[in-house]
PDB file of N, CA and C in Angstrom:
ATOM      1  N   MET A   1     127.623  95.736  85.032  1.00  0.00           N
ATOM      2  CA  MET A   1     126.469  94.873  84.934  1.00  0.00           C
ATOM      3  C   MET A   1     125.224  95.697  85.267  1.00  0.00           C
ATOM      4  N   THR A   2     124.228  95.613  84.447  1.00  0.00           N
ATOM      5  CA  THR A   2     123.013  96.379  84.685  1.00  0.00           C
ATOM      6  C   THR A   2     122.198  95.718  85.776  1.00  0.00           C
ATOM      7  N   LEU A   3     121.251  96.455  86.291  1.00  0.00           N
ATOM      8  CA  LEU A   3     120.396  95.949  87.359  1.00  0.00           C
ATOM      9  C   LEU A   3     119.634  94.706  86.918  1.00  0.00           C
ATOM     10  N   THR A   4     119.177  94.675  85.679  1.00  0.00           N
ATOM     11  CA  THR A   4     118.441  93.525  85.161  1.00  0.00           C
ATOM     12  C   THR A   4     119.323  92.285  85.122  1.00  0.00           C
ATOM     13  N   ARG A   5     120.535  92.432  84.642  1.00  0.00           N
ATOM     14  CA  ARG A   5     121.457  91.291  84.595  1.00  0.00           C
ATOM     15  C   ARG A   5     121.793  90.815  86.006  1.00  0.00           C
ATOM     16  N   PHE A   6     121.968  91.774  86.926  1.00  0.00           N
ATOM     17  CA  PHE A   6     122.281  91.420  88.307  1.00  0.00           C
ATOM     18  C   PHE A   6     121.141  90.607  88.925  1.00  0.00           C
ATOM     19  N   ALA A   7     119.908  91.047  88.701  1.00  0.00           N
ATOM     20  CA  ALA A   7     118.738  90.349  89.224  1.00  0.00           C
ATOM     21  C   ALA A   7     118.612  88.966  88.603  1.00  0.00           C
ATOM     22  N   LEU A   8     118.875  88.857  87.291  1.00  0.00           N
ATOM     23  CA  LEU A   8     118.804  87.574  86.606  1.00  0.00           C
ATOM     24  C   LEU A   8     119.867  86.625  87.145  1.00  0.00           C
ATOM     25  N   ALA A   9     121.082  87.127  87.365  1.00  0.00           N
ATOM     26  CA  ALA A   9     122.160  86.288  87.899  1.00  0.00           C
ATOM     27  C   ALA A   9     121.817  85.801  89.295  1.00  0.00           C
ATOM     28  N   GLY A  10     121.239  86.657  90.117  1.00  0.00           N
ATOM     29  CA  GLY A  10     120.826  86.263  91.469  1.00  0.00           C
ATOM     30  C   GLY A  10     119.738  85.210  91.440  1.00  0.00           C
ATOM     31  N   SER A  11     118.785  85.360  90.534  1.00  0.00           N
ATOM     32  CA  SER A  11     117.708  84.387  90.404  1.00  0.00           C
ATOM     33  C   SER A  11     118.233  83.029  89.967  1.00  0.00           C
ATOM     34  N   LEU A  12     119.159  83.026  89.015  1.00  0.00           N
ATOM     35  CA  LEU A  12     119.745  81.770  88.552  1.00  0.00           C
ATOM     36  C   LEU A  12     120.552  81.094  89.650  1.00  0.00           C
ATOM     37  N   ALA A  13     121.276  81.882  90.448  1.00  0.00           N
ATOM     38  CA  ALA A  13     122.049  81.325  91.553  1.00  0.00           C
ATOM     39  C   ALA A  13     121.125  80.691  92.585  1.00  0.00           C
ATOM     40  N   ALA A  14     120.017  81.353  92.877  1.00  0.00           N
ATOM     41  CA  ALA A  14     119.057  80.805  93.837  1.00  0.00           C
ATOM     42  C   ALA A  14     118.422  79.529  93.305  1.00  0.00           C
ATOM     43  N   LEU A  15     118.128  79.502  92.028  1.00  0.00           N
ATOM     44  CA  LEU A  15     117.549  78.321  91.408  1.00  0.00           C
ATOM     45  C   LEU A  15     118.528  77.154  91.454  1.00  0.00           C
ATOM     46  N   ALA A  16     119.788  77.419  91.152  1.00  0.00           N
ATOM     47  CA  ALA A  16     120.810  76.369  91.184  1.00  0.00           C
ATOM     48  C   ALA A  16     121.003  75.849  92.595  1.00  0.00           C
ATOM     49  N   ALA A  17     120.937  76.706  93.584  1.00  0.00           N
ATOM     50  CA  ALA A  17     121.104  76.287  94.979  1.00  0.00           C
ATOM     51  C   ALA A  17     119.974  75.352  95.396  1.00  0.00           C
ATOM     52  N   GLY A  18     118.804  75.543  94.844  1.00  0.00           N
ATOM     53  CA  GLY A  18     117.677  74.680  95.165  1.00  0.00           C
ATOM     54  C   GLY A  18     117.818  73.282  94.597  1.00  0.00           C
ATOM     55  N   CYS A  19     118.744  73.089  93.679  1.00  0.00           N
ATOM     56  CA  CYS A  19     118.944  71.783  93.058  1.00  0.00           C
ATOM     57  C   CYS A  19     119.975  70.934  93.788  1.00  0.00           C
ATOM     58  N   VAL A  20     120.576  71.474  94.828  1.00  0.00           N
ATOM     59  CA  VAL A  20     121.581  70.722  95.573  1.00  0.00           C
ATOM     60  C   VAL A  20     120.892  69.617  96.363  1.00  0.00           C
ATOM     61  N   THR A  21     121.462  68.430  96.333  1.00  0.00           N
ATOM     62  CA  THR A  21     120.881  67.321  97.077  1.00  0.00           C
ATOM     63  C   THR A  21     121.666  67.070  98.351  1.00  0.00           C
ATOM     64  N   THR A  22     120.982  66.547  99.361  1.00  0.00           N
ATOM     65  CA  THR A  22     121.622  66.197 100.621  1.00  0.00           C
ATOM     66  C   THR A  22     122.077  64.757 100.532  1.00  0.00           C
ATOM     67  N   PRO A  23     123.334  64.468 100.904  1.00  0.00           N
ATOM     68  CA  PRO A  23     123.800  63.095 100.822  1.00  0.00           C
ATOM     69  C   PRO A  23     123.024  62.179 101.763  1.00  0.00           C
ATOM     70  N   GLN A  24     122.803  60.971 101.341  1.00  0.00           N
ATOM     71  CA  GLN A  24     122.080  59.973 102.125  1.00  0.00           C
ATOM     72  C   GLN A  24     122.982  59.423 103.220  1.00  0.00           C
ATOM     73  N   THR A  25     122.469  59.311 104.432  1.00  0.00           N
ATOM     74  CA  THR A  25     123.202  58.678 105.516  1.00  0.00           C
ATOM     75  C   THR A  25     123.052  57.182 105.355  1.00  0.00           C
ATOM     76  N   PRO A  26     124.160  56.423 105.332  1.00  0.00           N
ATOM     77  CA  PRO A  26     124.071  54.977 105.147  1.00  0.00           C
ATOM     78  C   PRO A  26     123.165  54.324 106.187  1.00  0.00           C
ATOM     79  N   GLY A  27     122.292  53.443 105.735  1.00  0.00           N
ATOM     80  CA  GLY A  27     121.403  52.717 106.632  1.00  0.00           C
ATOM     81  C   GLY A  27     120.184  53.491 107.082  1.00  0.00           C
ATOM     82  N   VAL A  28     119.993  54.702 106.573  1.00  0.00           N
ATOM     83  CA  VAL A  28     118.850  55.518 106.963  1.00  0.00           C
ATOM     84  C   VAL A  28     117.951  55.714 105.759  1.00  0.00           C
ATOM     85  N   PRO A  29     116.679  55.314 105.867  1.00  0.00           N
ATOM     86  CA  PRO A  29     115.767  55.521 104.740  1.00  0.00           C
ATOM     87  C   PRO A  29     115.706  56.990 104.358  1.00  0.00           C
ATOM     88  N   ALA A  30     115.570  57.275 103.078  1.00  0.00           N
ATOM     89  CA  ALA A  30     115.563  58.651 102.575  1.00  0.00           C
ATOM     90  C   ALA A  30     114.458  59.490 103.208  1.00  0.00           C
ATOM     91  N   ASP A  31     113.337  58.870 103.573  1.00  0.00           N
ATOM     92  CA  ASP A  31     112.242  59.631 104.164  1.00  0.00           C
ATOM     93  C   ASP A  31     112.444  59.896 105.654  1.00  0.00           C
ATOM     94  N   ARG A  32     113.578  59.526 106.223  1.00  0.00           N
ATOM     95  CA  ARG A  32     113.831  59.711 107.641  1.00  0.00           C
ATOM     96  C   ARG A  32     114.972  60.691 107.912  1.00  0.00           C
ATOM     97  N   MET A  33     115.354  61.487 106.947  1.00  0.00           N
ATOM     98  CA  MET A  33     116.470  62.409 107.131  1.00  0.00           C
ATOM     99  C   MET A  33     116.106  63.484 108.154  1.00  0.00           C
ATOM    100  N   PRO A  34     117.021  63.789 109.117  1.00  0.00           N
ATOM    101  CA  PRO A  34     116.742  64.818 110.110  1.00  0.00           C
ATOM    102  C   PRO A  34     116.436  66.161 109.457  1.00  0.00           C
ATOM    103  N   GLY A  35     115.510  66.872 110.062  1.00  0.00           N
ATOM    104  CA  GLY A  35     115.222  68.222 109.610  1.00  0.00           C
ATOM    105  C   GLY A  35     114.288  68.310 108.414  1.00  0.00           C
ATOM    106  N   ASP A  36     113.765  67.173 107.934  1.00  0.00           N
ATOM    107  CA  ASP A  36     112.906  67.236 106.759  1.00  0.00           C
ATOM    108  C   ASP A  36     111.430  67.377 107.127  1.00  0.00           C
ATOM    109  N   GLY A  37     111.161  67.596 108.421  1.00  0.00           N
ATOM    110  CA  GLY A  37     109.782  67.765 108.860  1.00  0.00           C
ATOM    111  C   GLY A  37     109.086  66.457 109.150  1.00  0.00           C
ATOM    112  N   ALA A  38     109.770  65.342 108.933  1.00  0.00           N
ATOM    113  CA  ALA A  38     109.174  64.036 109.209  1.00  0.00           C
ATOM    114  C   ALA A  38     109.101  63.816 110.712  1.00  0.00           C
ATOM    115  N   THR A  39     108.174  62.986 111.134  1.00  0.00           N
ATOM    116  CA  THR A  39     108.067  62.664 112.545  1.00  0.00           C
ATOM    117  C   THR A  39     109.143  61.656 112.920  1.00  0.00           C
ATOM    118  N   CYS A  40     109.459  61.623 114.185  1.00  0.00           N
ATOM    119  CA  CYS A  40     110.472  60.711 114.718  1.00  0.00           C
ATOM    120  C   CYS A  40     109.923  59.281 114.719  1.00  0.00           C
ATOM    121  N   SER A  41     110.774  58.327 114.421  1.00  0.00           N
ATOM    122  CA  SER A  41     110.416  56.916 114.503  1.00  0.00           C
ATOM    123  C   SER A  41     111.569  56.163 115.152  1.00  0.00           C
ATOM    124  N   ALA A  42     111.287  55.508 116.277  1.00  0.00           N
ATOM    125  CA  ALA A  42     112.329  54.774 117.006  1.00  0.00           C
ATOM    126  C   ALA A  42     112.529  53.367 116.463  1.00  0.00           C
ATOM    127  N   ASP A  43     111.836  53.008 115.393  1.00  0.00           N
ATOM    128  CA  ASP A  43     112.016  51.681 114.786  1.00  0.00           C
ATOM    129  C   ASP A  43     113.472  51.489 114.384  1.00  0.00           C
ATOM    130  N   GLY A  44     114.038  50.362 114.753  1.00  0.00           N
ATOM    131  CA  GLY A  44     115.407  50.046 114.363  1.00  0.00           C
ATOM    132  C   GLY A  44     116.478  50.665 115.243  1.00  0.00           C
ATOM    133  N   THR A  45     116.089  51.233 116.384  1.00  0.00           N
ATOM    134  CA  THR A  45     117.093  51.843 117.256  1.00  0.00           C
ATOM    135  C   THR A  45     117.540  50.916 118.382  1.00  0.00           C
ATOM    136  N   GLU A  46     116.977  49.716 118.450  1.00  0.00           N
ATOM    137  CA  GLU A  46     117.331  48.773 119.515  1.00  0.00           C
ATOM    138  C   GLU A  46     118.828  48.493 119.536  1.00  0.00           C
ATOM    139  N   GLN A  47     119.455  48.557 118.378  1.00  0.00           N
ATOM    140  CA  GLN A  47     120.890  48.272 118.266  1.00  0.00           C
ATOM    141  C   GLN A  47     121.746  49.247 119.077  1.00  0.00           C
ATOM    142  N   PHE A  48     121.210  50.419 119.406  1.00  0.00           N
ATOM    143  CA  PHE A  48     121.977  51.420 120.141  1.00  0.00           C
ATOM    144  C   PHE A  48     121.874  51.258 121.661  1.00  0.00           C
ATOM    145  N   VAL A  49     120.830  50.572 122.127  1.00  0.00           N
ATOM    146  CA  VAL A  49     120.678  50.350 123.565  1.00  0.00           C
ATOM    147  C   VAL A  49     121.817  49.449 124.027  1.00  0.00           C
ATOM    148  N   GLY A  50     122.490  49.884 125.081  1.00  0.00           N
ATOM    149  CA  GLY A  50     123.647  49.160 125.593  1.00  0.00           C
ATOM    150  C   GLY A  50     124.969  49.723 125.099  1.00  0.00           C
ATOM    151  N   GLN A  51     124.903  50.584 124.087  1.00  0.00           N
ATOM    152  CA  GLN A  51     126.126  51.222 123.588  1.00  0.00           C
ATOM    153  C   GLN A  51     126.464  52.434 124.448  1.00  0.00           C
ATOM    154  N   ARG A  52     127.671  52.904 124.326  1.00  0.00           N
ATOM    155  CA  ARG A  52     128.140  54.078 125.067  1.00  0.00           C
ATOM    156  C   ARG A  52     127.511  55.347 124.473  1.00  0.00           C
ATOM    157  N   ALA A  53     127.109  56.257 125.337  1.00  0.00           N
ATOM    158  CA  ALA A  53     126.515  57.532 124.919  1.00  0.00           C
ATOM    159  C   ALA A  53     127.635  58.473 124.486  1.00  0.00           C
ATOM    160  N   THR A  54     127.815  58.604 123.186  1.00  0.00           N
ATOM    161  CA  THR A  54     128.840  59.473 122.622  1.00  0.00           C
ATOM    162  C   THR A  54     128.211  60.378 121.570  1.00  0.00           C
ATOM    163  N   THR A  55     128.964  61.349 121.143  1.00  0.00           N
ATOM    164  CA  THR A  55     128.494  62.245 120.078  1.00  0.00           C
ATOM    165  C   THR A  55     128.195  61.443 118.818  1.00  0.00           C
ATOM    166  N   GLU A  56     129.066  60.507 118.489  1.00  0.00           N
ATOM    167  CA  GLU A  56     128.891  59.694 117.276  1.00  0.00           C
ATOM    168  C   GLU A  56     127.627  58.836 117.363  1.00  0.00           C
ATOM    169  N   THR A  57     127.402  58.229 118.531  1.00  0.00           N
ATOM    170  CA  THR A  57     126.201  57.409 118.716  1.00  0.00           C
ATOM    171  C   THR A  57     124.952  58.281 118.631  1.00  0.00           C
ATOM    172  N   GLY A  58     124.994  59.449 119.263  1.00  0.00           N
ATOM    173  CA  GLY A  58     123.858  60.370 119.216  1.00  0.00           C
ATOM    174  C   GLY A  58     123.539  60.805 117.797  1.00  0.00           C
ATOM    175  N   THR A  59     124.571  61.088 117.020  1.00  0.00           N
ATOM    176  CA  THR A  59     124.384  61.481 115.624  1.00  0.00           C
ATOM    177  C   THR A  59     123.741  60.357 114.832  1.00  0.00           C
ATOM    178  N   ALA A  60     124.186  59.127 115.069  1.00  0.00           N
ATOM    179  CA  ALA A  60     123.616  57.974 114.362  1.00  0.00           C
ATOM    180  C   ALA A  60     122.159  57.749 114.758  1.00  0.00           C
ATOM    181  N   ILE A  61     121.842  57.931 116.028  1.00  0.00           N
ATOM    182  CA  ILE A  61     120.455  57.772 116.493  1.00  0.00           C
ATOM    183  C   ILE A  61     119.571  58.846 115.869  1.00  0.00           C
ATOM    184  N   ARG A  62     120.039  60.067 115.869  1.00  0.00           N
ATOM    185  CA  ARG A  62     119.244  61.152 115.275  1.00  0.00           C
ATOM    186  C   ARG A  62     118.988  60.887 113.788  1.00  0.00           C
ATOM    187  N   ALA A  63     120.014  60.427 113.088  1.00  0.00           N
ATOM    188  CA  ALA A  63     119.849  60.119 111.666  1.00  0.00           C
ATOM    189  C   ALA A  63     118.873  58.963 111.474  1.00  0.00           C
ATOM    190  N   ARG A  64     118.968  57.945 112.300  1.00  0.00           N
ATOM    191  CA  ARG A  64     118.110  56.769 112.156  1.00  0.00           C
ATOM    192  C   ARG A  64     116.641  57.100 112.434  1.00  0.00           C
ATOM    193  N   THR A  65     116.395  57.961 113.429  1.00  0.00           N
ATOM    194  CA  THR A  65     115.021  58.284 113.809  1.00  0.00           C
ATOM    195  C   THR A  65     114.398  59.375 112.952  1.00  0.00           C
ATOM    196  N   GLY A  66     115.227  60.200 112.321  1.00  0.00           N
ATOM    197  CA  GLY A  66     114.714  61.317 111.536  1.00  0.00           C
ATOM    198  C   GLY A  66     114.258  62.481 112.393  1.00  0.00           C
ATOM    199  N   ALA A  67     114.612  62.481 113.676  1.00  0.00           N
ATOM    200  CA  ALA A  67     114.175  63.528 114.601  1.00  0.00           C
ATOM    201  C   ALA A  67     114.860  64.856 114.312  1.00  0.00           C
ATOM    202  N   GLU A  68     114.102  65.920 114.439  1.00  0.00           N
ATOM    203  CA  GLU A  68     114.668  67.261 114.319  1.00  0.00           C
ATOM    204  C   GLU A  68     115.275  67.695 115.647  1.00  0.00           C
ATOM    205  N   ILE A  69     114.693  67.222 116.736  1.00  0.00           N
ATOM    206  CA  ILE A  69     115.147  67.590 118.077  1.00  0.00           C
ATOM    207  C   ILE A  69     115.752  66.352 118.734  1.00  0.00           C
ATOM    208  N   PHE A  70     116.964  66.492 119.260  1.00  0.00           N
ATOM    209  CA  PHE A  70     117.654  65.394 119.937  1.00  0.00           C
ATOM    210  C   PHE A  70     117.917  65.824 121.374  1.00  0.00           C
ATOM    211  N   GLN A  71     117.643  64.910 122.331  1.00  0.00           N
ATOM    212  CA  GLN A  71     117.847  65.259 123.722  1.00  0.00           C
ATOM    213  C   GLN A  71     118.479  64.100 124.483  1.00  0.00           C
ATOM    214  N   TRP A  72     119.650  64.337 125.071  1.00  0.00           N
ATOM    215  CA  TRP A  72     120.264  63.379 125.985  1.00  0.00           C
ATOM    216  C   TRP A  72     119.574  63.527 127.326  1.00  0.00           C
ATOM    217  N   VAL A  73     119.272  62.407 127.994  1.00  0.00           N
ATOM    218  CA  VAL A  73     118.628  62.443 129.300  1.00  0.00           C
ATOM    219  C   VAL A  73     119.460  61.603 130.276  1.00  0.00           C
ATOM    220  N   PRO A  74     120.273  62.270 131.101  1.00  0.00           N
ATOM    221  CA  PRO A  74     121.065  61.535 132.083  1.00  0.00           C
ATOM    222  C   PRO A  74     120.164  60.869 133.126  1.00  0.00           C
ATOM    223  N   GLU A  75     120.643  59.781 133.689  1.00  0.00           N
ATOM    224  CA  GLU A  75     119.905  59.059 134.731  1.00  0.00           C
ATOM    225  C   GLU A  75     119.520  60.006 135.864  1.00  0.00           C
ATOM    226  N   GLY A  76     118.257  59.943 136.288  1.00  0.00           N
ATOM    227  CA  GLY A  76     117.767  60.769 137.385  1.00  0.00           C
ATOM    228  C   GLY A  76     117.340  62.160 136.993  1.00  0.00           C
ATOM    229  N   SER A  77     117.406  62.503 135.717  1.00  0.00           N
ATOM    230  CA  SER A  77     117.016  63.838 135.262  1.00  0.00           C
ATOM    231  C   SER A  77     115.511  63.949 135.104  1.00  0.00           C
ATOM    232  N   ALA A  78     115.005  65.131 135.370  1.00  0.00           N
ATOM    233  CA  ALA A  78     113.594  65.423 135.135  1.00  0.00           C
ATOM    234  C   ALA A  78     113.454  65.976 133.714  1.00  0.00           C
ATOM    235  N   VAL A  79     112.396  65.561 133.031  1.00  0.00           N
ATOM    236  CA  VAL A  79     112.114  66.072 131.691  1.00  0.00           C
ATOM    237  C   VAL A  79     110.654  66.503 131.634  1.00  0.00           C
ATOM    238  N   THR A  80     110.356  67.383 130.702  1.00  0.00           N
ATOM    239  CA  THR A  80     108.974  67.827 130.537  1.00  0.00           C
ATOM    240  C   THR A  80     108.130  66.691 129.971  1.00  0.00           C
ATOM    241  N   MET A  81     106.855  66.764 130.181  1.00  0.00           N
ATOM    242  CA  MET A  81     105.936  65.730 129.715  1.00  0.00           C
ATOM    243  C   MET A  81     105.279  66.099 128.384  1.00  0.00           C
ATOM    244  N   ASP A  82     105.663  67.222 127.796  1.00  0.00           N
ATOM    245  CA  ASP A  82     105.064  67.613 126.526  1.00  0.00           C
ATOM    246  C   ASP A  82     105.463  66.618 125.439  1.00  0.00           C
ATOM    247  N   TYR A  83     104.578  66.418 124.499  1.00  0.00           N
ATOM    248  CA  TYR A  83     104.819  65.484 123.406  1.00  0.00           C
ATOM    249  C   TYR A  83     105.219  66.249 122.160  1.00  0.00           C
ATOM    250  N   ARG A  84     106.332  65.857 121.573  1.00  0.00           N
ATOM    251  CA  ARG A  84     106.790  66.460 120.313  1.00  0.00           C
ATOM    252  C   ARG A  84     107.081  65.322 119.346  1.00  0.00           C
ATOM    253  N   GLU A  85     106.353  65.277 118.269  1.00  0.00           N
ATOM    254  CA  GLU A  85     106.501  64.174 117.315  1.00  0.00           C
ATOM    255  C   GLU A  85     107.832  64.198 116.574  1.00  0.00           C
ATOM    256  N   ASN A  86     108.561  65.292 116.678  1.00  0.00           N
ATOM    257  CA  ASN A  86     109.841  65.403 115.973  1.00  0.00           C
ATOM    258  C   ASN A  86     111.047  65.341 116.924  1.00  0.00           C
ATOM    259  N   ARG A  87     110.834  64.806 118.151  1.00  0.00           N
ATOM    260  CA  ARG A  87     111.911  64.753 119.150  1.00  0.00           C
ATOM    261  C   ARG A  87     112.241  63.313 119.513  1.00  0.00           C
ATOM    262  N   VAL A  88     113.538  63.058 119.702  1.00  0.00           N
ATOM    263  CA  VAL A  88     114.000  61.780 120.249  1.00  0.00           C
ATOM    264  C   VAL A  88     114.739  62.071 121.547  1.00  0.00           C
ATOM    265  N   ARG A  89     114.422  61.279 122.561  1.00  0.00           N
ATOM    266  CA  ARG A  89     115.107  61.372 123.853  1.00  0.00           C
ATOM    267  C   ARG A  89     115.889  60.090 124.066  1.00  0.00           C
ATOM    268  N   VAL A  90     117.158  60.257 124.410  1.00  0.00           N
ATOM    269  CA  VAL A  90     118.036  59.111 124.634  1.00  0.00           C
ATOM    270  C   VAL A  90     118.497  59.158 126.087  1.00  0.00           C
ATOM    271  N   SER A  91     118.066  58.176 126.870  1.00  0.00           N
ATOM    272  CA  SER A  91     118.445  58.106 128.274  1.00  0.00           C
ATOM    273  C   SER A  91     119.687  57.250 128.436  1.00  0.00           C
ATOM    274  N   TYR A  92     120.519  57.626 129.409  1.00  0.00           N
ATOM    275  CA  TYR A  92     121.724  56.854 129.693  1.00  0.00           C
ATOM    276  C   TYR A  92     121.968  56.827 131.193  1.00  0.00           C
ATOM    277  N   ASP A  93     122.707  55.807 131.640  1.00  0.00           N
ATOM    278  CA  ASP A  93     122.972  55.646 133.061  1.00  0.00           C
ATOM    279  C   ASP A  93     124.289  56.313 133.462  1.00  0.00           C
ATOM    280  N   ARG A  94     124.680  56.114 134.719  1.00  0.00           N
ATOM    281  CA  ARG A  94     125.901  56.759 135.242  1.00  0.00           C
ATOM    282  C   ARG A  94     127.172  56.263 134.562  1.00  0.00           C
ATOM    283  N   ALA A  95     127.116  55.083 133.962  1.00  0.00           N
ATOM    284  CA  ALA A  95     128.265  54.530 133.246  1.00  0.00           C
ATOM    285  C   ALA A  95     128.289  54.988 131.790  1.00  0.00           C
ATOM    286  N   MET A  96     127.375  55.934 131.436  1.00  0.00           N
ATOM    287  CA  MET A  96     127.267  56.468 130.070  1.00  0.00           C
ATOM    288  C   MET A  96     126.795  55.410 129.071  1.00  0.00           C
ATOM    289  N   THR A  97     126.004  54.456 129.537  1.00  0.00           N
ATOM    290  CA  THR A  97     125.441  53.415 128.689  1.00  0.00           C
ATOM    291  C   THR A  97     123.999  53.777 128.347  1.00  0.00           C
ATOM    292  N   ILE A  98     123.648  53.753 127.072  1.00  0.00           N
ATOM    293  CA  ILE A  98     122.290  54.090 126.638  1.00  0.00           C
ATOM    294  C   ILE A  98     121.323  53.037 127.163  1.00  0.00           C
ATOM    295  N   THR A  99     120.249  53.509 127.811  1.00  0.00           N
ATOM    296  CA  THR A  99     119.265  52.600 128.383  1.00  0.00           C
ATOM    297  C   THR A  99     117.945  52.603 127.624  1.00  0.00           C
ATOM    298  N   THR A 100     117.512  53.747 127.133  1.00  0.00           N
ATOM    299  CA  THR A 100     116.265  53.820 126.366  1.00  0.00           C
ATOM    300  C   THR A 100     116.358  54.876 125.274  1.00  0.00           C
ATOM    301  N   ILE A 101     115.590  54.642 124.213  1.00  0.00           N
ATOM    302  CA  ILE A 101     115.468  55.604 123.112  1.00  0.00           C
ATOM    303  C   ILE A 101     113.978  55.724 122.829  1.00  0.00           C
ATOM    304  N   ALA A 102     113.461  56.942 122.925  1.00  0.00           N
ATOM    305  CA  ALA A 102     112.021  57.126 122.732  1.00  0.00           C
ATOM    306  C   ALA A 102     111.739  58.411 121.967  1.00  0.00           C
ATOM    307  N   CYS A 103     110.791  58.329 121.057  1.00  0.00           N
ATOM    308  CA  CYS A 103     110.323  59.508 120.339  1.00  0.00           C
ATOM    309  C   CYS A 103     109.187  60.129 121.132  1.00  0.00           C
ATOM    310  N   GLY A 104     109.016  61.413 120.949  1.00  0.00           N
ATOM    311  CA  GLY A 104     107.902  62.089 121.596  1.00  0.00           C
ATOM    312  C   GLY A 104     108.307  63.132 122.474  1.00  0.00           C
TER     313      GLY A 104
END
């Protein structure tokens, strides 16, 4: 294969890779997908308060909020006061029950 053909094949592969779509998470608006640069929105997360803090619940909260940064906050923990529009913080108590969900 000549250098020109190799470069053309690489360019076509890169172009095809750009056409891949990310599957939609059920119940999550398309504009709220994690990692898309969108800001976090805690709208509709009330359903998670009172649930057990698990990996699955955390994943669902992150998908619902569209946050790029996810942070578990155990009861009594200190957190920074900096504001990040792409972060969701999920607080839970000693019984591993989610108490609050907040963006920022």
